[in-house]
N, C-alpha and C. Protein backbone atom coordinates (compact mmCIF):
# COMPACT_ATOMS: atom_id res chain seq x y z
N MET A 1 111.11 120.18 136.34
CA MET A 1 111.24 119.79 134.96
C MET A 1 110.11 118.83 134.59
N LYS A 2 109.42 119.14 133.50
CA LYS A 2 108.31 118.32 133.05
C LYS A 2 108.82 117.17 132.17
N THR A 3 108.41 115.95 132.49
CA THR A 3 108.83 114.81 131.69
C THR A 3 107.91 114.66 130.49
N LYS A 4 108.45 114.09 129.43
CA LYS A 4 107.67 113.90 128.20
C LYS A 4 106.71 112.73 128.37
N SER A 5 105.55 112.86 127.73
CA SER A 5 104.58 111.76 127.75
C SER A 5 105.10 110.63 126.88
N ALA A 6 104.52 109.45 127.06
CA ALA A 6 104.91 108.30 126.24
C ALA A 6 104.67 108.60 124.76
N SER A 7 103.55 109.25 124.45
CA SER A 7 103.24 109.59 123.06
C SER A 7 104.30 110.51 122.47
N GLN A 8 104.74 111.50 123.23
CA GLN A 8 105.76 112.42 122.73
C GLN A 8 107.10 111.71 122.55
N ARG A 9 107.44 110.82 123.48
CA ARG A 9 108.68 110.07 123.35
C ARG A 9 108.65 109.19 122.10
N ILE A 10 107.48 108.60 121.81
CA ILE A 10 107.33 107.75 120.62
C ILE A 10 107.47 108.60 119.36
N ARG A 11 106.81 109.77 119.33
CA ARG A 11 106.93 110.67 118.17
C ARG A 11 108.38 111.09 117.96
N ASP A 12 109.06 111.44 119.04
CA ASP A 12 110.47 111.84 118.95
C ASP A 12 111.33 110.69 118.42
N TYR A 13 111.04 109.48 118.90
CA TYR A 13 111.82 108.31 118.47
C TYR A 13 111.69 108.10 116.97
N PHE A 14 110.45 108.13 116.45
CA PHE A 14 110.24 107.91 115.02
C PHE A 14 110.73 109.09 114.18
N ALA A 15 110.77 110.27 114.76
CA ALA A 15 111.34 111.42 114.03
C ALA A 15 112.85 111.21 113.84
N LYS A 16 113.50 110.65 114.84
CA LYS A 16 114.94 110.39 114.76
C LYS A 16 115.26 109.09 114.02
N HIS A 17 114.32 108.14 114.06
CA HIS A 17 114.53 106.82 113.43
C HIS A 17 113.35 106.51 112.51
N PRO A 18 113.22 107.18 111.37
CA PRO A 18 112.05 107.02 110.51
C PRO A 18 111.85 105.61 109.95
N ASP A 19 112.89 104.82 109.87
CA ASP A 19 112.77 103.47 109.32
C ASP A 19 112.65 102.40 110.40
N ALA A 20 112.52 102.82 111.64
CA ALA A 20 112.46 101.86 112.75
C ALA A 20 111.16 101.08 112.72
N LYS A 21 111.22 99.84 113.15
CA LYS A 21 110.04 98.97 113.28
C LYS A 21 109.37 99.28 114.62
N PRO A 22 108.06 99.05 114.70
CA PRO A 22 107.36 99.29 115.97
C PRO A 22 107.98 98.52 117.14
N ALA A 23 108.40 97.28 116.89
CA ALA A 23 108.98 96.48 117.97
C ALA A 23 110.26 97.12 118.52
N GLU A 24 111.00 97.79 117.66
CA GLU A 24 112.23 98.46 118.10
C GLU A 24 111.89 99.63 119.04
N ALA A 25 110.83 100.36 118.70
CA ALA A 25 110.42 101.48 119.55
C ALA A 25 109.92 100.98 120.90
N VAL A 26 109.16 99.88 120.88
CA VAL A 26 108.66 99.29 122.12
C VAL A 26 109.83 98.95 123.04
N LYS A 27 110.85 98.31 122.48
CA LYS A 27 112.01 97.89 123.29
C LYS A 27 112.83 99.10 123.76
N ALA A 28 113.05 100.05 122.86
CA ALA A 28 113.90 101.20 123.19
C ALA A 28 113.25 102.12 124.22
N LEU A 29 111.93 102.25 124.16
CA LEU A 29 111.24 103.22 125.01
C LEU A 29 110.52 102.60 126.20
N ASP A 30 110.47 101.27 126.25
CA ASP A 30 109.76 100.57 127.31
C ASP A 30 108.31 101.04 127.40
N VAL A 31 107.61 100.97 126.24
CA VAL A 31 106.20 101.32 126.16
C VAL A 31 105.45 100.14 125.59
N THR A 32 104.12 100.19 125.62
CA THR A 32 103.33 99.08 125.11
C THR A 32 103.25 99.12 123.59
N PRO A 33 103.12 97.96 122.94
CA PRO A 33 102.95 97.94 121.49
C PRO A 33 101.73 98.74 121.04
N ALA A 34 100.65 98.67 121.81
CA ALA A 34 99.43 99.40 121.43
C ALA A 34 99.68 100.90 121.36
N SER A 35 100.45 101.43 122.31
CA SER A 35 100.71 102.88 122.28
C SER A 35 101.57 103.25 121.09
N VAL A 36 102.53 102.41 120.73
CA VAL A 36 103.37 102.68 119.56
C VAL A 36 102.51 102.67 118.30
N TYR A 37 101.65 101.68 118.16
CA TYR A 37 100.81 101.59 116.97
C TYR A 37 99.87 102.78 116.85
N MET A 38 99.28 103.19 117.96
CA MET A 38 98.35 104.33 117.91
C MET A 38 99.07 105.61 117.50
N VAL A 39 100.20 105.88 118.11
CA VAL A 39 100.95 107.10 117.79
C VAL A 39 101.46 107.04 116.35
N ARG A 40 101.98 105.88 115.97
CA ARG A 40 102.52 105.73 114.61
C ARG A 40 101.43 105.95 113.57
N GLN A 41 100.24 105.41 113.81
CA GLN A 41 99.13 105.59 112.87
C GLN A 41 98.76 107.06 112.75
N LYS A 42 98.70 107.76 113.86
CA LYS A 42 98.37 109.19 113.83
C LYS A 42 99.45 109.98 113.12
N MET A 43 100.70 109.57 113.27
CA MET A 43 101.80 110.26 112.60
C MET A 43 101.74 110.07 111.09
N LYS A 44 101.33 108.88 110.66
CA LYS A 44 101.29 108.58 109.23
C LYS A 44 100.25 109.40 108.50
N ASN A 45 99.08 109.56 109.10
CA ASN A 45 98.00 110.22 108.39
C ASN A 45 97.04 110.89 109.37
N PRO A 46 97.43 111.98 110.00
CA PRO A 46 96.58 112.59 111.03
C PRO A 46 95.25 113.10 110.52
N VAL A 47 95.19 113.64 109.31
CA VAL A 47 93.93 114.19 108.80
C VAL A 47 92.94 113.07 108.52
N THR A 48 93.41 111.98 107.91
CA THR A 48 92.54 110.86 107.62
C THR A 48 91.99 110.28 108.91
N LYS A 49 92.80 110.25 109.96
CA LYS A 49 92.34 109.72 111.24
C LYS A 49 91.17 110.53 111.77
N ILE A 50 91.16 111.83 111.53
CA ILE A 50 90.08 112.69 111.98
C ILE A 50 88.85 112.52 111.09
N ILE A 51 89.04 112.43 109.79
CA ILE A 51 87.95 112.43 108.84
C ILE A 51 87.27 111.08 108.72
N LEU A 52 88.06 110.04 108.60
CA LEU A 52 87.47 108.73 108.31
C LEU A 52 86.97 108.05 109.57
N ASN A 53 86.00 107.22 109.35
CA ASN A 53 85.37 106.48 110.41
C ASN A 53 85.20 105.07 109.85
N GLU A 54 85.48 104.04 110.62
CA GLU A 54 85.37 102.69 110.08
C GLU A 54 83.96 102.37 109.63
N ALA A 55 82.95 102.98 110.24
CA ALA A 55 81.58 102.73 109.82
C ALA A 55 81.30 103.33 108.45
N ILE A 56 82.02 104.38 108.08
CA ILE A 56 81.84 105.04 106.78
C ILE A 56 83.23 105.22 106.17
N PRO A 57 83.86 104.14 105.70
CA PRO A 57 85.24 104.25 105.27
C PRO A 57 85.48 105.05 104.00
N ARG A 58 84.45 105.35 103.23
CA ARG A 58 84.65 106.08 101.99
C ARG A 58 83.93 107.43 102.01
N LEU A 59 83.97 108.07 103.14
CA LEU A 59 83.36 109.38 103.31
C LEU A 59 84.07 110.40 102.44
N ARG A 60 83.30 111.22 101.71
CA ARG A 60 83.88 112.25 100.86
C ARG A 60 83.41 113.60 101.37
N LEU A 61 84.36 114.47 101.66
CA LEU A 61 84.04 115.80 102.16
C LEU A 61 84.64 116.83 101.21
N GLU A 62 83.90 117.87 100.91
CA GLU A 62 84.43 118.93 100.06
C GLU A 62 85.33 119.86 100.89
N THR A 63 84.86 120.26 102.06
CA THR A 63 85.65 121.12 102.91
C THR A 63 85.43 120.71 104.35
N LEU A 64 86.48 120.68 105.09
CA LEU A 64 86.41 120.37 106.51
C LEU A 64 86.97 121.55 107.27
N THR A 65 86.20 122.08 108.22
CA THR A 65 86.67 123.18 109.03
C THR A 65 86.79 122.69 110.46
N MET A 66 87.95 122.90 111.03
CA MET A 66 88.19 122.51 112.42
C MET A 66 88.49 123.76 113.21
N SER A 67 87.86 123.91 114.34
CA SER A 67 88.12 125.08 115.18
C SER A 67 89.18 124.77 116.21
N THR A 68 90.05 125.71 116.42
CA THR A 68 91.01 125.62 117.52
C THR A 68 90.71 126.78 118.45
N SER A 69 91.45 126.89 119.51
CA SER A 69 91.18 127.97 120.46
C SER A 69 91.47 129.34 119.86
N SER A 70 92.34 129.41 118.85
CA SER A 70 92.67 130.72 118.30
C SER A 70 91.94 131.00 117.00
N GLN A 71 92.19 130.23 115.95
CA GLN A 71 91.58 130.50 114.66
C GLN A 71 91.10 129.20 114.03
N PRO A 72 90.07 129.29 113.19
CA PRO A 72 89.63 128.08 112.49
C PRO A 72 90.65 127.67 111.43
N ILE A 73 90.75 126.37 111.22
CA ILE A 73 91.64 125.84 110.19
C ILE A 73 90.75 125.19 109.14
N THR A 74 90.91 125.57 107.89
CA THR A 74 90.11 124.98 106.82
C THR A 74 91.01 124.12 105.95
N LEU A 75 90.60 122.89 105.79
CA LEU A 75 91.35 121.96 104.95
C LEU A 75 90.66 121.86 103.61
N GLY A 76 91.41 121.64 102.56
CA GLY A 76 90.86 121.58 101.21
C GLY A 76 90.06 120.30 100.98
N ALA A 77 89.74 120.06 99.73
CA ALA A 77 88.93 118.90 99.35
C ALA A 77 89.61 117.61 99.76
N VAL A 78 88.84 116.69 100.24
CA VAL A 78 89.34 115.38 100.63
C VAL A 78 88.78 114.37 99.64
N GLN A 79 89.65 113.67 98.98
CA GLN A 79 89.22 112.70 97.98
C GLN A 79 88.97 111.35 98.63
N GLU A 80 88.15 110.56 97.97
CA GLU A 80 87.88 109.21 98.43
C GLU A 80 89.20 108.44 98.46
N PRO A 81 89.47 107.73 99.55
CA PRO A 81 90.74 107.01 99.63
C PRO A 81 90.81 105.91 98.58
N LYS A 82 91.97 105.76 97.99
CA LYS A 82 92.18 104.70 97.01
C LYS A 82 92.83 103.53 97.74
N GLU A 83 92.26 102.36 97.56
CA GLU A 83 92.78 101.19 98.24
C GLU A 83 93.99 100.64 97.50
N ASP A 84 95.06 100.39 98.24
CA ASP A 84 96.26 99.79 97.69
C ASP A 84 96.23 98.31 98.07
N MET A 85 95.76 97.48 97.15
CA MET A 85 95.55 96.06 97.43
C MET A 85 96.85 95.28 97.62
N VAL A 86 97.99 95.85 97.20
CA VAL A 86 99.25 95.14 97.34
C VAL A 86 99.95 95.51 98.65
N ASN A 87 100.14 96.79 98.91
CA ASN A 87 100.93 97.22 100.06
C ASN A 87 100.12 97.44 101.33
N HIS A 88 98.90 97.98 101.21
CA HIS A 88 98.13 98.32 102.41
C HIS A 88 96.63 98.10 102.17
N PRO A 89 96.19 96.85 102.00
CA PRO A 89 94.75 96.62 101.80
C PRO A 89 93.96 97.08 103.02
N LEU A 90 92.79 97.65 102.78
CA LEU A 90 91.97 98.16 103.89
C LEU A 90 91.63 97.07 104.89
N HIS A 91 91.40 95.83 104.44
CA HIS A 91 91.01 94.77 105.37
C HIS A 91 92.17 94.34 106.27
N TYR A 92 93.39 94.80 106.00
CA TYR A 92 94.51 94.52 106.89
C TYR A 92 94.76 95.67 107.86
N LYS A 93 94.12 96.81 107.66
CA LYS A 93 94.36 97.98 108.51
C LYS A 93 93.23 98.24 109.49
N SER A 94 92.25 97.38 109.54
CA SER A 94 91.12 97.57 110.44
C SER A 94 91.60 97.69 111.87
N GLY A 95 91.11 98.68 112.57
CA GLY A 95 91.52 98.89 113.96
C GLY A 95 92.77 99.74 114.11
N GLY A 96 93.32 100.20 113.00
CA GLY A 96 94.46 101.10 113.05
C GLY A 96 95.82 100.44 113.10
N ILE A 97 95.85 99.12 113.16
CA ILE A 97 97.11 98.39 113.21
C ILE A 97 97.15 97.45 112.01
N GLU A 98 98.20 97.56 111.22
CA GLU A 98 98.32 96.61 110.11
C GLU A 98 98.69 95.25 110.68
N THR A 99 98.05 94.23 110.14
CA THR A 99 98.25 92.87 110.62
C THR A 99 99.72 92.47 110.57
N ILE A 100 100.41 92.82 109.50
CA ILE A 100 101.82 92.43 109.36
C ILE A 100 102.67 93.05 110.47
N ASP A 101 102.36 94.27 110.88
CA ASP A 101 103.12 94.91 111.96
C ASP A 101 102.91 94.17 113.27
N PHE A 102 101.67 93.75 113.52
CA PHE A 102 101.37 93.00 114.74
C PHE A 102 102.10 91.66 114.73
N ILE A 103 102.02 90.93 113.60
CA ILE A 103 102.66 89.62 113.48
C ILE A 103 104.16 89.74 113.70
N GLU A 104 104.78 90.73 113.07
CA GLU A 104 106.23 90.91 113.22
C GLU A 104 106.61 91.31 114.64
N SER A 105 105.80 92.17 115.26
CA SER A 105 106.14 92.61 116.62
C SER A 105 106.06 91.46 117.62
N LYS A 106 105.21 90.49 117.35
CA LYS A 106 105.08 89.33 118.23
C LYS A 106 106.04 88.20 117.86
N GLY A 107 106.73 88.34 116.71
CA GLY A 107 107.69 87.32 116.30
C GLY A 107 107.03 85.99 115.94
N LEU A 108 105.83 86.05 115.36
CA LEU A 108 105.11 84.82 115.03
C LEU A 108 105.70 84.14 113.79
N ASN A 109 105.67 82.81 113.79
CA ASN A 109 106.13 82.07 112.62
C ASN A 109 105.08 82.13 111.51
N TYR A 110 105.39 81.50 110.38
CA TYR A 110 104.52 81.56 109.20
C TYR A 110 103.10 81.06 109.51
N ARG A 111 102.99 79.90 110.16
CA ARG A 111 101.67 79.32 110.41
C ARG A 111 100.86 80.20 111.37
N LEU A 112 101.46 80.62 112.47
CA LEU A 112 100.72 81.44 113.43
C LEU A 112 100.43 82.83 112.87
N GLY A 113 101.34 83.35 112.06
CA GLY A 113 101.08 84.62 111.38
C GLY A 113 99.86 84.52 110.49
N ASN A 114 99.72 83.41 109.78
CA ASN A 114 98.55 83.22 108.93
C ASN A 114 97.27 83.06 109.74
N VAL A 115 97.36 82.44 110.90
CA VAL A 115 96.19 82.34 111.78
C VAL A 115 95.70 83.75 112.11
N VAL A 116 96.62 84.60 112.54
CA VAL A 116 96.26 85.98 112.89
C VAL A 116 95.70 86.70 111.66
N LYS A 117 96.36 86.54 110.52
CA LYS A 117 95.94 87.21 109.29
C LYS A 117 94.51 86.84 108.93
N TYR A 118 94.21 85.55 108.90
CA TYR A 118 92.87 85.12 108.49
C TYR A 118 91.80 85.51 109.51
N ILE A 119 92.14 85.50 110.78
CA ILE A 119 91.16 85.90 111.80
C ILE A 119 90.87 87.39 111.71
N THR A 120 91.92 88.20 111.57
CA THR A 120 91.71 89.65 111.57
C THR A 120 90.98 90.15 110.34
N ARG A 121 91.08 89.44 109.23
CA ARG A 121 90.39 89.91 108.03
C ARG A 121 89.05 89.23 107.80
N ALA A 122 88.69 88.26 108.63
CA ALA A 122 87.49 87.46 108.41
C ALA A 122 86.22 88.31 108.26
N ASP A 123 86.09 89.36 109.02
CA ASP A 123 84.87 90.18 108.96
C ASP A 123 84.98 91.32 107.97
N HIS A 124 86.08 91.39 107.22
CA HIS A 124 86.29 92.55 106.35
C HIS A 124 86.50 92.21 104.88
N LYS A 125 86.60 90.95 104.56
CA LYS A 125 86.96 90.61 103.19
C LYS A 125 85.81 89.99 102.40
N GLY A 126 84.81 89.46 103.06
CA GLY A 126 83.67 88.96 102.31
C GLY A 126 83.23 87.56 102.64
N ASN A 127 84.13 86.64 102.91
CA ASN A 127 83.73 85.27 103.21
C ASN A 127 84.27 84.88 104.57
N ARG A 128 83.53 85.24 105.60
CA ARG A 128 83.97 85.06 106.99
C ARG A 128 84.29 83.61 107.32
N MET A 129 83.38 82.70 106.99
CA MET A 129 83.58 81.30 107.35
C MET A 129 84.80 80.70 106.65
N GLU A 130 85.01 81.07 105.40
CA GLU A 130 86.18 80.55 104.68
C GLU A 130 87.47 81.00 105.35
N ASP A 131 87.54 82.27 105.73
CA ASP A 131 88.74 82.76 106.40
C ASP A 131 88.93 82.12 107.77
N LEU A 132 87.85 81.90 108.50
CA LEU A 132 87.98 81.25 109.81
C LEU A 132 88.43 79.79 109.66
N LYS A 133 87.95 79.12 108.62
CA LYS A 133 88.39 77.74 108.37
C LYS A 133 89.86 77.69 107.98
N LYS A 134 90.31 78.69 107.20
CA LYS A 134 91.73 78.75 106.84
C LYS A 134 92.58 78.99 108.08
N ALA A 135 92.12 79.85 108.98
CA ALA A 135 92.85 80.10 110.23
C ALA A 135 92.94 78.81 111.04
N LEU A 136 91.85 78.08 111.11
CA LEU A 136 91.83 76.81 111.84
C LEU A 136 92.79 75.80 111.21
N TRP A 137 92.85 75.78 109.88
CA TRP A 137 93.75 74.87 109.17
C TRP A 137 95.20 75.15 109.54
N TYR A 138 95.59 76.43 109.53
CA TYR A 138 96.96 76.80 109.90
C TYR A 138 97.22 76.50 111.38
N LEU A 139 96.25 76.76 112.23
CA LEU A 139 96.42 76.48 113.66
C LEU A 139 96.60 74.98 113.89
N GLN A 140 95.84 74.16 113.19
CA GLN A 140 95.98 72.72 113.33
C GLN A 140 97.36 72.24 112.88
N ARG A 141 97.89 72.83 111.80
CA ARG A 141 99.24 72.49 111.34
C ARG A 141 100.29 72.86 112.40
N GLU A 142 100.09 74.01 113.05
CA GLU A 142 101.01 74.42 114.13
C GLU A 142 100.95 73.45 115.29
N ILE A 143 99.75 73.03 115.66
CA ILE A 143 99.58 72.08 116.75
C ILE A 143 100.22 70.73 116.39
N ASP A 144 100.01 70.28 115.15
CA ASP A 144 100.57 69.00 114.70
C ASP A 144 102.09 69.02 114.67
N LYS A 145 102.70 70.18 114.39
CA LYS A 145 104.17 70.29 114.37
C LYS A 145 104.74 70.17 115.77
N GLY A 146 103.89 70.50 116.78
CA GLY A 146 104.23 70.35 118.18
C GLY A 146 105.40 71.13 118.58
């Protein structure tokens, strides 16, 4: 009997529990958070994962043809992604993991969550030094609270 891979177990878990948090899957399946995030990201938007590249985040393709072992698959026009600044800003999704999902999975408090938030977006939002100083400010408050 062939056992299921961790990726397949994660896909099956989210198929049965569509509203589950990543941390719940990690605990239920005894897998790493990174594997849950990678599989979950691919499940959310598999075509975008193939087409987009962080170096060229606004790539526009008219037609994409992918070959498989049997027949070619042709996908229709791909539009430039629209950034949702409220729910899913691009600077929070860098690396395939949304910052809020990481913060929640680690159970970080408000101050430490903000440290992570400002550090992860520092190179993606425009003012790197300002974001790093804000992260330091929150970290110092956490240290002072002891």
